[in-house]
Amino acid sequence: QVQLVESGGGLVQAGDSLRLSCAASGGTFSRYAMAWFRQAPGNEREFVAAISWSGRNAYYADSVKGRVTISRDNAKNTVYLQMNSLKPEDTAVYYCAARSVNADAVWTKTMYYNYWGQGTQVTVSS
């Protein structure tokens, strides 16, 4: 029902910053919990950050904590992932995910999300 389109990826050097965006359409954005996942070639899809429907609650993977901020603008139907101090280990395809929820909570596993974007490539050179 909801369509997600990521943007903002690119090729950067270690230590640089990127801001990813995920634009949603076709659903009631304020009723969805949102998250970012990433997947490198040969690896499993990995949780990065999640945000509740109101934006009041957020949760981050230990690997990115302190370097990443997830936020959302429900008026613009958009969720963001601000990434600072990027490392080569951050290289992956980054996916936006959504799930319809009844509580202002966060979920960190792929199995809980029903809608996914096409992904945007982030490459961090050494």
N, C-alpha and C. Protein backbone atom coordinates (compact mmCIF):
# COMPACT_ATOMS: atom_id res chain seq x y z
N GLN A 1 0.82 -1.20 0.00
CA GLN A 1 0.00 0.00 0.00
C GLN A 1 0.86 1.26 0.00
N VAL A 2 1.97 1.24 0.75
CA VAL A 2 2.86 2.38 0.80
C VAL A 2 4.09 2.09 -0.07
N GLN A 3 4.50 3.09 -0.83
CA GLN A 3 5.69 3.01 -1.65
C GLN A 3 6.80 3.87 -1.04
N LEU A 4 8.02 3.33 -1.04
CA LEU A 4 9.15 4.01 -0.43
C LEU A 4 10.25 4.17 -1.47
N VAL A 5 10.83 5.36 -1.54
CA VAL A 5 11.90 5.66 -2.48
C VAL A 5 13.04 6.33 -1.74
N GLU A 6 14.21 5.66 -1.71
CA GLU A 6 15.38 6.21 -1.05
C GLU A 6 16.18 7.07 -2.02
N SER A 7 16.92 8.02 -1.46
CA SER A 7 17.83 8.84 -2.24
C SER A 7 18.92 9.38 -1.32
N GLY A 8 19.97 9.92 -1.90
CA GLY A 8 21.01 10.56 -1.13
C GLY A 8 22.30 9.79 -1.01
N GLY A 9 22.33 8.56 -1.51
CA GLY A 9 23.55 7.77 -1.45
C GLY A 9 24.59 8.29 -2.42
N GLY A 10 25.80 7.76 -2.30
CA GLY A 10 26.87 8.17 -3.17
C GLY A 10 28.20 7.64 -2.73
N LEU A 11 29.24 8.10 -3.40
CA LEU A 11 30.62 7.72 -3.10
C LEU A 11 31.28 8.83 -2.31
N VAL A 12 31.75 8.50 -1.12
CA VAL A 12 32.40 9.47 -0.25
C VAL A 12 33.67 8.87 0.33
N GLN A 13 34.47 9.72 0.93
CA GLN A 13 35.68 9.28 1.61
C GLN A 13 35.42 9.08 3.09
N ALA A 14 36.23 8.26 3.72
CA ALA A 14 36.11 8.04 5.16
C ALA A 14 36.15 9.37 5.90
N GLY A 15 35.25 9.52 6.86
CA GLY A 15 35.14 10.74 7.62
C GLY A 15 34.11 11.71 7.10
N ASP A 16 33.63 11.50 5.89
CA ASP A 16 32.62 12.37 5.30
C ASP A 16 31.24 12.08 5.86
N SER A 17 30.27 12.90 5.45
CA SER A 17 28.90 12.76 5.90
C SER A 17 27.95 12.62 4.72
N LEU A 18 26.84 11.95 4.96
CA LEU A 18 25.76 11.82 3.98
C LEU A 18 24.43 11.92 4.70
N ARG A 19 23.43 12.41 3.99
CA ARG A 19 22.07 12.43 4.50
C ARG A 19 21.18 11.69 3.52
N LEU A 20 20.69 10.54 3.93
CA LEU A 20 19.78 9.76 3.12
C LEU A 20 18.35 10.18 3.38
N SER A 21 17.52 10.11 2.34
CA SER A 21 16.12 10.44 2.46
C SER A 21 15.27 9.28 1.96
N CYS A 22 14.11 9.13 2.54
CA CYS A 22 13.15 8.13 2.12
C CYS A 22 11.79 8.80 2.02
N ALA A 23 11.29 8.92 0.80
CA ALA A 23 10.00 9.53 0.55
C ALA A 23 8.93 8.46 0.44
N ALA A 24 7.84 8.64 1.17
CA ALA A 24 6.75 7.67 1.19
C ALA A 24 5.52 8.22 0.49
N SER A 25 4.79 7.33 -0.15
CA SER A 25 3.54 7.71 -0.80
C SER A 25 2.59 6.52 -0.79
N GLY A 26 1.31 6.80 -0.94
CA GLY A 26 0.32 5.74 -1.03
C GLY A 26 -0.21 5.22 0.29
N GLY A 27 0.18 5.83 1.39
CA GLY A 27 -0.28 5.42 2.70
C GLY A 27 -0.33 6.59 3.67
N THR A 28 -0.80 6.30 4.87
CA THR A 28 -0.83 7.31 5.92
C THR A 28 0.49 7.24 6.66
N PHE A 29 1.42 8.13 6.30
CA PHE A 29 2.79 8.06 6.78
C PHE A 29 2.87 8.12 8.30
N SER A 30 2.04 8.93 8.93
CA SER A 30 2.10 9.10 10.37
C SER A 30 1.70 7.84 11.13
N ARG A 31 1.10 6.86 10.46
CA ARG A 31 0.71 5.61 11.09
C ARG A 31 1.78 4.53 10.97
N TYR A 32 2.93 4.85 10.40
CA TYR A 32 3.98 3.87 10.15
C TYR A 32 5.20 4.13 11.00
N ALA A 33 5.70 3.07 11.64
CA ALA A 33 7.04 3.09 12.18
C ALA A 33 8.02 2.90 11.02
N MET A 34 9.16 3.55 11.09
CA MET A 34 10.12 3.53 10.00
C MET A 34 11.48 3.07 10.49
N ALA A 35 12.27 2.56 9.55
CA ALA A 35 13.62 2.11 9.90
C ALA A 35 14.51 2.15 8.68
N TRP A 36 15.81 2.13 8.96
CA TRP A 36 16.83 1.97 7.93
C TRP A 36 17.60 0.69 8.18
N PHE A 37 17.79 -0.09 7.14
CA PHE A 37 18.63 -1.27 7.15
C PHE A 37 19.68 -1.13 6.07
N ARG A 38 20.73 -1.94 6.16
CA ARG A 38 21.74 -1.93 5.12
C ARG A 38 22.20 -3.35 4.83
N GLN A 39 22.70 -3.55 3.62
CA GLN A 39 23.15 -4.86 3.21
C GLN A 39 24.35 -4.74 2.28
N ALA A 40 25.45 -5.33 2.70
CA ALA A 40 26.65 -5.40 1.87
C ALA A 40 26.66 -6.73 1.12
N PRO A 41 27.35 -6.81 -0.02
CA PRO A 41 27.39 -8.05 -0.78
C PRO A 41 27.85 -9.23 0.07
N GLY A 42 27.09 -10.32 0.03
CA GLY A 42 27.42 -11.51 0.78
C GLY A 42 27.01 -11.49 2.24
N ASN A 43 26.48 -10.36 2.71
CA ASN A 43 26.08 -10.23 4.10
C ASN A 43 24.57 -10.23 4.25
N GLU A 44 24.14 -10.46 5.47
CA GLU A 44 22.73 -10.37 5.80
C GLU A 44 22.29 -8.91 5.86
N ARG A 45 21.01 -8.69 5.73
CA ARG A 45 20.50 -7.34 5.88
C ARG A 45 20.56 -6.95 7.36
N GLU A 46 21.18 -5.82 7.64
CA GLU A 46 21.54 -5.41 8.99
C GLU A 46 20.76 -4.18 9.42
N PHE A 47 20.28 -4.20 10.64
CA PHE A 47 19.56 -3.06 11.20
C PHE A 47 20.51 -1.89 11.42
N VAL A 48 20.04 -0.69 11.12
CA VAL A 48 20.82 0.53 11.33
C VAL A 48 20.15 1.44 12.34
N ALA A 49 18.90 1.83 12.08
CA ALA A 49 18.20 2.76 12.96
C ALA A 49 16.71 2.63 12.74
N ALA A 50 15.93 2.96 13.78
CA ALA A 50 14.48 2.92 13.70
C ALA A 50 13.88 4.11 14.43
N ILE A 51 12.69 4.51 14.01
CA ILE A 51 12.00 5.63 14.61
C ILE A 51 10.52 5.32 14.69
N SER A 52 9.89 5.71 15.80
CA SER A 52 8.48 5.43 16.00
C SER A 52 7.61 6.37 15.18
N TRP A 53 6.31 6.10 15.15
CA TRP A 53 5.42 6.85 14.28
C TRP A 53 5.38 8.34 14.60
N SER A 54 5.54 8.69 15.88
CA SER A 54 5.51 10.09 16.28
C SER A 54 6.87 10.77 16.13
N GLY A 55 7.93 9.98 15.99
CA GLY A 55 9.27 10.52 15.99
C GLY A 55 9.85 10.71 17.37
N ARG A 56 9.09 10.38 18.41
CA ARG A 56 9.54 10.60 19.78
C ARG A 56 10.54 9.56 20.25
N ASN A 57 10.50 8.37 19.66
CA ASN A 57 11.38 7.28 20.06
C ASN A 57 12.26 6.85 18.90
N ALA A 58 13.53 6.67 19.18
CA ALA A 58 14.48 6.22 18.17
C ALA A 58 15.44 5.22 18.78
N TYR A 59 15.99 4.35 17.95
CA TYR A 59 16.92 3.33 18.41
C TYR A 59 17.96 3.09 17.34
N TYR A 60 19.21 2.84 17.77
CA TYR A 60 20.32 2.70 16.84
C TYR A 60 21.11 1.43 17.10
N ALA A 61 21.64 0.87 16.03
CA ALA A 61 22.56 -0.25 16.16
C ALA A 61 23.86 0.24 16.80
N ASP A 62 24.50 -0.64 17.57
CA ASP A 62 25.75 -0.27 18.23
C ASP A 62 26.82 0.16 17.23
N SER A 63 26.79 -0.41 16.05
CA SER A 63 27.81 -0.13 15.05
C SER A 63 27.77 1.31 14.53
N VAL A 64 26.63 1.97 14.68
CA VAL A 64 26.49 3.33 14.15
C VAL A 64 26.14 4.35 15.23
N LYS A 65 25.92 3.90 16.44
CA LYS A 65 25.51 4.79 17.52
C LYS A 65 26.55 5.90 17.72
N GLY A 66 26.06 7.12 17.80
CA GLY A 66 26.94 8.27 17.95
C GLY A 66 27.32 8.92 16.64
N ARG A 67 27.13 8.22 15.54
CA ARG A 67 27.48 8.74 14.22
C ARG A 67 26.25 8.97 13.34
N VAL A 68 25.12 8.42 13.73
CA VAL A 68 23.93 8.40 12.90
C VAL A 68 22.75 8.98 13.66
N THR A 69 21.91 9.73 12.95
CA THR A 69 20.68 10.25 13.52
C THR A 69 19.53 9.98 12.55
N ILE A 70 18.48 9.34 13.04
CA ILE A 70 17.29 9.12 12.24
C ILE A 70 16.24 10.15 12.65
N SER A 71 15.53 10.68 11.69
CA SER A 71 14.49 11.66 11.96
C SER A 71 13.39 11.51 10.93
N ARG A 72 12.25 12.13 11.19
CA ARG A 72 11.16 12.07 10.23
C ARG A 72 10.39 13.37 10.23
N ASP A 73 9.82 13.67 9.09
CA ASP A 73 8.97 14.83 8.91
C ASP A 73 7.66 14.32 8.35
N ASN A 74 6.69 14.12 9.22
CA ASN A 74 5.43 13.53 8.78
C ASN A 74 4.66 14.44 7.83
N ALA A 75 4.86 15.74 7.93
CA ALA A 75 4.21 16.67 7.02
C ALA A 75 4.73 16.50 5.60
N LYS A 76 5.98 16.03 5.46
CA LYS A 76 6.58 15.82 4.15
C LYS A 76 6.63 14.35 3.76
N ASN A 77 6.09 13.48 4.60
CA ASN A 77 6.10 12.03 4.34
C ASN A 77 7.51 11.52 4.06
N THR A 78 8.45 11.96 4.87
CA THR A 78 9.85 11.65 4.62
C THR A 78 10.57 11.28 5.91
N VAL A 79 11.43 10.27 5.82
CA VAL A 79 12.30 9.90 6.92
C VAL A 79 13.74 10.09 6.45
N TYR A 80 14.62 10.50 7.36
CA TYR A 80 15.99 10.82 7.02
C TYR A 80 16.96 9.98 7.84
N LEU A 81 18.14 9.80 7.29
CA LEU A 81 19.23 9.18 8.02
C LEU A 81 20.47 10.03 7.80
N GLN A 82 20.84 10.79 8.83
CA GLN A 82 22.04 11.60 8.79
C GLN A 82 23.20 10.75 9.27
N MET A 83 24.21 10.58 8.45
CA MET A 83 25.37 9.76 8.77
C MET A 83 26.62 10.61 8.75
N ASN A 84 27.33 10.62 9.86
CA ASN A 84 28.57 11.37 9.99
C ASN A 84 29.73 10.42 10.26
N SER A 85 30.94 10.93 10.08
CA SER A 85 32.15 10.14 10.34
C SER A 85 32.08 8.76 9.70
N LEU A 86 31.73 8.74 8.44
CA LEU A 86 31.53 7.48 7.74
C LEU A 86 32.82 6.67 7.66
N LYS A 87 32.66 5.37 7.74
CA LYS A 87 33.77 4.42 7.69
C LYS A 87 33.59 3.49 6.50
N PRO A 88 34.68 2.90 6.00
CA PRO A 88 34.53 1.92 4.92
C PRO A 88 33.56 0.79 5.26
N GLU A 89 33.47 0.42 6.52
CA GLU A 89 32.55 -0.62 6.96
C GLU A 89 31.09 -0.23 6.79
N ASP A 90 30.81 1.05 6.56
CA ASP A 90 29.45 1.51 6.32
C ASP A 90 29.01 1.29 4.88
N THR A 91 29.91 0.86 4.02
CA THR A 91 29.59 0.63 2.62
C THR A 91 28.53 -0.46 2.50
N ALA A 92 27.42 -0.12 1.85
CA ALA A 92 26.31 -1.06 1.70
C ALA A 92 25.21 -0.39 0.90
N VAL A 93 24.22 -1.19 0.52
CA VAL A 93 22.98 -0.64 0.02
C VAL A 93 22.08 -0.38 1.21
N TYR A 94 21.59 0.83 1.32
CA TYR A 94 20.76 1.23 2.45
C TYR A 94 19.29 1.21 2.03
N TYR A 95 18.48 0.53 2.83
CA TYR A 95 17.07 0.35 2.55
C TYR A 95 16.20 1.03 3.59
N CYS A 96 15.17 1.67 3.14
CA CYS A 96 14.13 2.23 4.00
C CYS A 96 13.02 1.20 4.15
N ALA A 97 12.48 1.08 5.36
CA ALA A 97 11.43 0.11 5.62
C ALA A 97 10.32 0.74 6.46
N ALA A 98 9.10 0.22 6.31
CA ALA A 98 7.95 0.75 7.03
C ALA A 98 7.05 -0.38 7.48
N ARG A 99 6.37 -0.16 8.60
CA ARG A 99 5.33 -1.07 9.07
C ARG A 99 4.21 -0.27 9.72
N SER A 100 2.99 -0.69 9.47
CA SER A 100 1.84 -0.08 10.12
C SER A 100 1.79 -0.54 11.57
N VAL A 101 1.64 0.41 12.49
CA VAL A 101 1.73 0.11 13.92
C VAL A 101 0.57 0.70 14.69
N ASN A 102 0.37 0.18 15.89
CA ASN A 102 -0.66 0.67 16.80
C ASN A 102 -0.07 1.27 18.07
N ALA A 103 1.25 1.34 18.14
CA ALA A 103 1.93 1.89 19.31
C ALA A 103 3.11 2.72 18.86
N ASP A 104 3.49 3.68 19.68
CA ASP A 104 4.61 4.56 19.39
C ASP A 104 5.90 3.88 19.83
N ALA A 105 6.28 2.84 19.09
CA ALA A 105 7.42 2.02 19.44
C ALA A 105 8.31 1.82 18.23
N VAL A 106 9.43 1.11 18.45
CA VAL A 106 10.38 0.82 17.38
C VAL A 106 10.59 -0.67 17.26
N TRP A 107 10.93 -1.13 16.06
CA TRP A 107 11.23 -2.52 15.77
C TRP A 107 12.55 -2.57 15.04
N THR A 108 13.37 -3.58 15.32
CA THR A 108 14.74 -3.63 14.83
C THR A 108 15.05 -4.84 13.96
N LYS A 109 14.09 -5.68 13.67
CA LYS A 109 14.31 -6.86 12.85
C LYS A 109 13.58 -6.74 11.52
N THR A 110 14.20 -7.28 10.48
CA THR A 110 13.61 -7.18 9.15
C THR A 110 12.23 -7.82 9.07
N MET A 111 12.01 -8.87 9.84
CA MET A 111 10.76 -9.62 9.76
C MET A 111 9.55 -8.80 10.17
N TYR A 112 9.76 -7.71 10.89
CA TYR A 112 8.65 -6.89 11.36
C TYR A 112 8.21 -5.84 10.35
N TYR A 113 8.96 -5.67 9.29
CA TYR A 113 8.66 -4.64 8.30
C TYR A 113 8.05 -5.24 7.05
N ASN A 114 6.98 -4.64 6.58
CA ASN A 114 6.23 -5.15 5.45
C ASN A 114 6.49 -4.42 4.15
N TYR A 115 7.03 -3.20 4.22
CA TYR A 115 7.25 -2.39 3.04
C TYR A 115 8.70 -1.96 2.98
N TRP A 116 9.27 -2.03 1.77
CA TRP A 116 10.68 -1.73 1.57
C TRP A 116 10.89 -0.88 0.34
N GLY A 117 11.88 0.00 0.42
CA GLY A 117 12.29 0.76 -0.74
C GLY A 117 13.24 -0.03 -1.61
N GLN A 118 13.68 0.58 -2.70
CA GLN A 118 14.57 -0.10 -3.65
C GLN A 118 16.03 -0.07 -3.23
N GLY A 119 16.37 0.77 -2.28
CA GLY A 119 17.73 0.88 -1.79
C GLY A 119 18.51 1.98 -2.47
N THR A 120 19.48 2.52 -1.75
CA THR A 120 20.40 3.50 -2.30
C THR A 120 21.82 3.12 -1.87
N GLN A 121 22.75 3.16 -2.81
CA GLN A 121 24.11 2.70 -2.56
C GLN A 121 24.92 3.76 -1.84
N VAL A 122 25.58 3.35 -0.77
CA VAL A 122 26.55 4.18 -0.06
C VAL A 122 27.89 3.48 -0.12
N THR A 123 28.88 4.16 -0.67
CA THR A 123 30.23 3.62 -0.77
C THR A 123 31.20 4.57 -0.09
N VAL A 124 31.94 4.06 0.88
CA VAL A 124 32.90 4.85 1.64
C VAL A 124 34.29 4.32 1.34
N SER A 125 35.11 5.13 0.71
CA SER A 125 36.46 4.72 0.35
C SER A 125 37.41 4.93 1.51
N SER A 126 38.48 4.14 1.52
CA SER A 126 39.49 4.22 2.58
C SER A 126 40.37 5.45 2.41
